Amino acid sequence: MNEAILSRCEELMQKGSSSFYQAFKGLPSPRREAVYVIYAFCRMIDDSVDEPEQSTYTIHEIHDLFERLEEAEGHFIWPALRWLFSSFPHLDKGPFFRQMEGQLSDLKKTHYDTMEELEHYCYLVAGTVGEMLLPVLRNDNGAEVAMNGIALGKGMQIVNIIRDVGEDRARLRRYVPLEIMEKHGYSEQDWENGVVDERFVAIIDDMKSAALNWFRIGMDRLDTYPVESAFSIELAAAFYSTILHAVERNDYDVYTKRAYVSDELKLEMLGAIVKRYPMLAYQASRMAVS
């Protein structure tokens, strides 16, 4: 495999999600490079819907090229994906197609009424990523812990939704379910006006509880993973769940403020988690300085 192609995928992940990059860059090869490729492809799918004017392909073109992957050319992602599937024979194409289905739904459905609807969407766009990663992070196809991988992805997507309320509103999208808004007496007009009050705090707290519940399920049975993979998963989950604390520090104003986790806090979490993985202490020290 051309190392330059895998490096392009790594660059996309490093630029697109510093948290994920820092969490997974300590994996051994080829697991590490496989995560880069999966991220790069999912990023391409997402951008084709959210930023179509800057995307190399439309979502439909990506779908068609992926269907005939063996002959797809014109972008570094296609040889990278061919390497991925040849290197990890347990990996199934199904979650990749379901990921595209979820992103396509953003072109049709922009407002959600129920939590059930939202959780199905979260499965399609993020739970599927858990399914993609399982055969890469484990020594089997991940069937034993599929529910856990899916749950972690769903929890992370709900965190994304909480963090991105303002950005999504600017795109005329509302992922916060209407049933939760109505439960707390918060109207669609309040949402359009960006009202942050005790009703809105209660809404975000309900969403946060759902996310943390999925995290709890997702983190179960980490002991069945190779130790480096378990460490990376725990670190990624810690980075992501801390976004919720950042939302609280911003007084729940997710309409006009961006919640983020500082590098200093990430270092603190790295230090706390590595205490449970003493055999990886040297590797973690390298992650902290790179």
Protein backbone atom coordinates (compact mmCIF):
# COMPACT_ATOMS: atom_id res chain seq x y z
CA MET A 1 0.00 0.00 0.00
CA ASN A 2 1.24 3.47 -0.91
CA GLU A 3 2.09 5.14 2.41
CA ALA A 4 1.34 8.55 0.92
CA ILE A 5 -2.30 7.52 0.44
CA LEU A 6 -2.67 6.46 4.07
CA SER A 7 -0.96 9.68 5.13
CA ARG A 8 -3.63 11.67 3.28
CA CYS A 9 -6.28 9.86 5.34
CA GLU A 10 -4.35 10.59 8.51
CA GLU A 11 -4.15 14.28 7.61
CA LEU A 12 -7.93 14.40 7.14
CA MET A 13 -8.52 12.90 10.57
CA GLN A 14 -5.95 15.12 12.26
CA LYS A 15 -7.57 18.19 10.73
CA GLY A 16 -11.18 17.09 11.10
CA SER A 17 -11.21 15.70 14.64
CA SER A 18 -8.25 16.31 16.92
CA SER A 19 -9.98 14.39 19.72
CA PHE A 20 -10.44 11.22 17.68
CA TYR A 21 -6.96 11.57 16.23
CA GLN A 22 -5.33 11.87 19.62
CA ALA A 23 -7.36 8.96 20.97
CA PHE A 24 -6.52 6.52 18.17
CA LYS A 25 -3.06 7.52 17.00
CA GLY A 26 -1.46 5.24 19.59
CA LEU A 27 -2.90 2.10 18.03
CA PRO A 28 -0.46 -0.36 16.48
CA SER A 29 -0.27 -0.65 12.71
CA PRO A 30 -2.35 -1.57 10.70
CA ARG A 31 -5.24 -0.86 13.09
CA ARG A 32 -4.17 2.79 13.31
CA GLU A 33 -4.14 3.33 9.55
CA ALA A 34 -7.47 1.52 9.20
CA VAL A 35 -9.10 3.98 11.60
CA TYR A 36 -7.70 6.84 9.52
CA VAL A 37 -9.22 5.38 6.35
CA ILE A 38 -12.63 4.82 7.96
CA TYR A 39 -12.65 8.35 9.33
CA ALA A 40 -11.61 9.85 5.99
CA PHE A 41 -14.38 8.04 4.11
CA CYS A 42 -17.05 8.95 6.68
CA ARG A 43 -15.83 12.56 6.55
CA MET A 44 -16.19 12.52 2.76
CA ILE A 45 -19.74 11.18 3.06
CA ASP A 46 -20.65 13.79 5.66
CA ASP A 47 -19.14 16.68 3.69
CA SER A 48 -20.97 15.65 0.53
CA VAL A 49 -24.22 16.50 2.35
CA ASP A 50 -23.19 19.34 4.68
CA GLU A 51 -20.77 21.14 2.33
CA PRO A 52 -21.73 19.97 -1.17
CA GLU A 53 -20.17 22.98 -2.88
CA GLN A 54 -16.74 21.98 -1.52
CA SER A 55 -17.14 18.23 -1.87
CA THR A 56 -15.33 16.25 -4.58
CA TYR A 57 -18.38 14.02 -5.05
CA THR A 58 -22.10 14.09 -4.43
CA ILE A 59 -23.44 11.53 -1.97
CA HIS A 60 -24.93 9.62 -4.91
CA GLU A 61 -21.59 9.52 -6.71
CA ILE A 62 -19.89 8.24 -3.56
CA HIS A 63 -22.52 5.50 -3.27
CA ASP A 64 -22.07 4.44 -6.89
CA LEU A 65 -18.27 4.42 -6.72
CA PHE A 66 -18.30 2.47 -3.46
CA GLU A 67 -20.60 -0.11 -5.03
CA ARG A 68 -17.94 -0.75 -7.68
CA LEU A 69 -14.99 -0.18 -5.39
CA GLU A 70 -12.61 -2.52 -7.20
CA GLU A 71 -12.60 -0.25 -10.25
CA ALA A 72 -13.15 3.15 -8.59
CA GLU A 73 -10.47 5.72 -9.39
CA GLY A 74 -9.95 9.48 -9.24
CA HIS A 75 -9.37 9.97 -5.50
CA PHE A 76 -7.00 8.56 -2.89
CA ILE A 77 -9.92 7.21 -0.84
CA TRP A 78 -10.63 4.36 -3.29
CA PRO A 79 -7.24 2.61 -3.11
CA ALA A 80 -7.26 3.31 0.63
CA LEU A 81 -10.60 1.52 0.99
CA ARG A 82 -9.40 -1.39 -1.14
CA TRP A 83 -6.43 -1.73 1.23
CA LEU A 84 -8.80 -1.54 4.22
CA PHE A 85 -11.05 -4.37 3.07
CA SER A 86 -8.16 -6.58 2.00
CA SER A 87 -6.36 -6.01 5.30
CA PHE A 88 -9.44 -6.67 7.46
CA PRO A 89 -11.43 -9.46 5.80
CA HIS A 90 -14.05 -9.49 8.60
CA LEU A 91 -15.07 -5.96 7.64
CA ASP A 92 -18.50 -5.78 6.01
CA LYS A 93 -19.66 -3.13 3.54
CA GLY A 94 -23.14 -3.00 5.08
CA PRO A 95 -22.41 -0.34 7.73
CA PHE A 96 -20.83 1.89 5.08
CA PHE A 97 -23.97 1.78 2.97
CA ARG A 98 -26.13 2.42 6.05
CA GLN A 99 -23.90 5.40 6.90
CA MET A 100 -24.68 6.83 3.45
CA GLU A 101 -28.38 6.15 4.01
CA GLY A 102 -28.23 8.16 7.22
CA GLN A 103 -26.45 11.08 5.60
CA LEU A 104 -28.92 11.03 2.71
CA SER A 105 -31.75 11.35 5.23
CA ASP A 106 -30.39 14.82 6.10
CA LEU A 107 -31.47 15.92 2.63
CA LYS A 108 -35.06 14.83 3.33
CA LYS A 109 -35.68 15.07 7.07
CA THR A 110 -34.56 18.20 8.90
CA HIS A 111 -36.75 18.17 12.04
CA TYR A 112 -37.31 15.32 14.49
CA ASP A 113 -40.47 14.66 16.49
CA THR A 114 -39.55 11.73 18.74
CA MET A 115 -36.51 10.31 20.49
CA GLU A 116 -37.14 7.03 18.71
CA GLU A 117 -36.73 8.77 15.35
CA LEU A 118 -33.57 10.48 16.54
CA GLU A 119 -32.00 7.29 17.89
CA HIS A 120 -32.58 5.56 14.55
CA TYR A 121 -30.85 8.46 12.83
CA CYS A 122 -28.00 8.28 15.35
CA TYR A 123 -27.60 4.60 14.56
CA LEU A 124 -27.38 5.26 10.83
CA VAL A 125 -24.84 8.08 10.98
CA ALA A 126 -22.80 7.05 14.04
CA GLY A 127 -23.74 3.60 15.32
CA THR A 128 -22.60 2.31 11.94
CA VAL A 129 -19.16 3.78 12.61
CA GLY A 130 -18.99 1.57 15.68
CA GLU A 131 -19.82 -1.40 13.44
CA MET A 132 -17.07 -0.40 11.00
CA LEU A 133 -14.48 -0.07 13.74
CA LEU A 134 -15.17 -3.32 15.58
CA PRO A 135 -13.39 -5.68 13.14
CA VAL A 136 -10.51 -3.19 12.99
CA LEU A 137 -10.08 -2.78 16.74
CA ARG A 138 -10.56 -6.44 17.58
CA ASN A 139 -9.18 -9.79 16.44
CA ASP A 140 -12.60 -11.02 15.32
CA ASN A 141 -15.61 -9.58 13.51
CA GLY A 142 -16.91 -7.89 16.65
CA ALA A 143 -20.27 -9.66 16.61
CA GLU A 144 -20.03 -10.40 20.34
CA VAL A 145 -19.90 -6.71 21.21
CA ALA A 146 -21.75 -5.19 18.25
CA MET A 147 -24.40 -3.66 20.52
CA ASN A 148 -21.68 -1.94 22.57
CA GLY A 149 -19.95 -0.44 19.53
CA ILE A 150 -23.25 0.81 18.16
CA ALA A 151 -24.23 2.29 21.54
CA LEU A 152 -20.99 4.23 21.83
CA GLY A 153 -21.49 5.71 18.37
CA LYS A 154 -25.05 6.72 19.22
CA GLY A 155 -23.93 8.38 22.44
CA MET A 156 -21.27 10.36 20.60
CA GLN A 157 -23.80 11.50 18.00
CA ILE A 158 -26.16 12.80 20.67
CA VAL A 159 -23.24 14.76 22.12
CA ASN A 160 -22.64 16.16 18.62
CA ILE A 161 -26.29 17.18 18.41
CA ILE A 162 -26.14 18.96 21.77
CA ARG A 163 -22.91 20.76 20.85
CA ASP A 164 -24.11 21.76 17.36
CA VAL A 165 -27.62 23.05 18.11
CA GLY A 166 -26.72 26.54 16.88
CA GLU A 167 -24.91 25.40 13.75
CA ASP A 168 -27.73 23.04 12.86
CA ARG A 169 -30.33 25.76 13.41
CA ALA A 170 -28.41 27.92 10.91
CA ARG A 171 -28.79 25.03 8.44
CA LEU A 172 -32.53 24.94 9.26
CA ARG A 173 -32.16 21.57 10.99
CA ARG A 174 -33.54 20.63 14.39
CA TYR A 175 -32.41 17.31 15.78
CA VAL A 176 -33.66 17.97 19.32
CA PRO A 177 -36.93 15.98 19.34
CA LEU A 178 -40.14 17.96 19.54
CA GLU A 179 -41.52 15.59 22.20
CA ILE A 180 -38.72 16.57 24.59
CA MET A 181 -39.27 20.26 23.86
CA GLU A 182 -43.01 19.92 24.50
CA LYS A 183 -42.34 17.97 27.70
CA HIS A 184 -40.63 21.08 29.08
CA GLY A 185 -42.98 23.66 27.54
CA TYR A 186 -40.41 24.88 25.02
CA SER A 187 -41.83 25.88 21.64
CA GLU A 188 -40.40 25.77 18.14
CA GLN A 189 -40.52 29.56 18.23
CA ASP A 190 -38.31 29.46 21.33
CA TRP A 191 -35.89 27.25 19.40
CA GLU A 192 -35.90 29.64 16.45
CA ASN A 193 -35.22 32.54 18.81
CA GLY A 194 -32.40 30.70 20.60
CA VAL A 195 -33.99 31.01 24.04
CA VAL A 196 -31.75 29.65 26.81
CA ASP A 197 -33.63 29.34 30.11
CA GLU A 198 -34.49 26.67 32.69
CA ARG A 199 -36.73 24.90 30.15
CA PHE A 200 -33.92 24.65 27.65
CA VAL A 201 -31.49 23.47 30.35
CA ALA A 202 -33.96 20.68 31.19
CA ILE A 203 -34.10 19.69 27.51
CA ILE A 204 -30.32 19.50 27.23
CA ASP A 205 -30.14 17.55 30.49
CA ASP A 206 -32.59 14.97 29.06
CA MET A 207 -30.46 14.67 25.93
CA LYS A 208 -27.32 14.43 28.05
CA SER A 209 -28.83 11.60 30.12
CA ALA A 210 -29.60 9.69 26.93
CA ALA A 211 -26.04 10.17 25.68
CA LEU A 212 -24.49 9.04 28.97
CA ASN A 213 -26.70 5.96 29.02
CA TRP A 214 -25.43 4.99 25.57
CA PHE A 215 -21.88 5.63 26.75
CA ARG A 216 -22.41 3.28 29.69
CA ILE A 217 -23.59 0.51 27.37
CA GLY A 218 -20.81 1.27 24.89
CA MET A 219 -18.06 0.97 27.48
CA ASP A 220 -19.21 -2.45 28.68
CA ARG A 221 -16.95 -5.43 27.89
CA LEU A 222 -13.90 -3.35 27.02
CA ASP A 223 -11.92 -6.17 28.61
CA THR A 224 -12.60 -8.30 25.53
CA TYR A 225 -10.60 -5.92 23.30
CA PRO A 226 -6.84 -5.87 22.74
CA VAL A 227 -5.44 -3.56 25.38
CA GLU A 228 -4.36 -0.82 22.93
CA SER A 229 -7.84 -0.75 21.40
CA ALA A 230 -9.56 -0.63 24.80
CA PHE A 231 -7.34 2.28 25.80
CA SER A 232 -8.14 4.21 22.60
CA ILE A 233 -11.88 3.62 22.95
CA GLU A 234 -11.89 4.73 26.58
CA LEU A 235 -9.89 7.83 25.72
CA ALA A 236 -12.18 8.77 22.82
CA ALA A 237 -15.26 8.31 25.02
CA ALA A 238 -13.70 10.47 27.76
CA PHE A 239 -12.85 13.24 25.31
CA TYR A 240 -16.37 13.19 23.92
CA SER A 241 -18.29 13.00 27.17
CA THR A 242 -16.30 15.98 28.48
CA ILE A 243 -17.90 18.10 25.76
CA LEU A 244 -21.02 17.90 27.92
CA HIS A 245 -19.14 19.55 30.79
CA ALA A 246 -18.03 22.28 28.39
CA VAL A 247 -21.69 22.89 27.51
CA GLU A 248 -22.41 23.38 31.21
CA ARG A 249 -19.47 25.78 31.55
CA ASN A 250 -20.99 27.81 28.71
CA ASP A 251 -24.24 28.04 30.71
CA TYR A 252 -25.95 25.76 28.17
CA ASP A 253 -25.71 28.39 25.43
CA VAL A 254 -25.23 26.03 22.50
CA TYR A 255 -26.87 28.51 20.17
CA THR A 256 -24.03 31.02 20.09
CA LYS A 257 -21.08 29.33 21.85
CA ARG A 258 -18.99 26.37 20.73
CA ALA A 259 -18.26 23.81 23.46
CA TYR A 260 -14.81 22.32 23.16
CA VAL A 261 -12.32 20.37 25.25
CA SER A 262 -8.99 22.11 25.81
CA ASP A 263 -5.67 20.38 25.18
CA GLU A 264 -4.86 20.81 28.86
CA LEU A 265 -8.00 18.92 29.88
CA LYS A 266 -7.27 16.21 27.34
CA LEU A 267 -3.85 15.76 28.89
CA GLU A 268 -5.45 15.44 32.31
CA MET A 269 -7.81 12.74 31.03
CA LEU A 270 -4.96 10.95 29.31
CA GLY A 271 -3.06 10.87 32.59
CA ALA A 272 -6.06 9.58 34.52
CA ILE A 273 -6.92 6.84 32.05
CA VAL A 274 -3.37 5.60 31.51
CA LYS A 275 -3.22 4.72 35.21
CA ARG A 276 -5.55 1.85 34.37
CA TYR A 277 -3.25 0.79 31.53
CA PRO A 278 0.24 0.84 33.08
CA MET A 279 1.61 -1.34 30.28
CA LEU A 280 0.87 1.55 27.88
CA ALA A 281 2.42 4.31 29.98
CA TYR A 282 5.38 4.82 27.64
CA GLN A 283 3.12 4.95 24.59
CA ALA A 284 0.84 7.45 26.32
CA SER A 285 3.80 9.68 27.15
CA ARG A 286 4.68 9.77 23.46
CA MET A 287 1.06 10.68 22.61
CA ALA A 288 1.21 13.57 25.08
CA VAL A 289 4.21 15.20 23.44
CA SER A 290 3.47 14.50 19.77
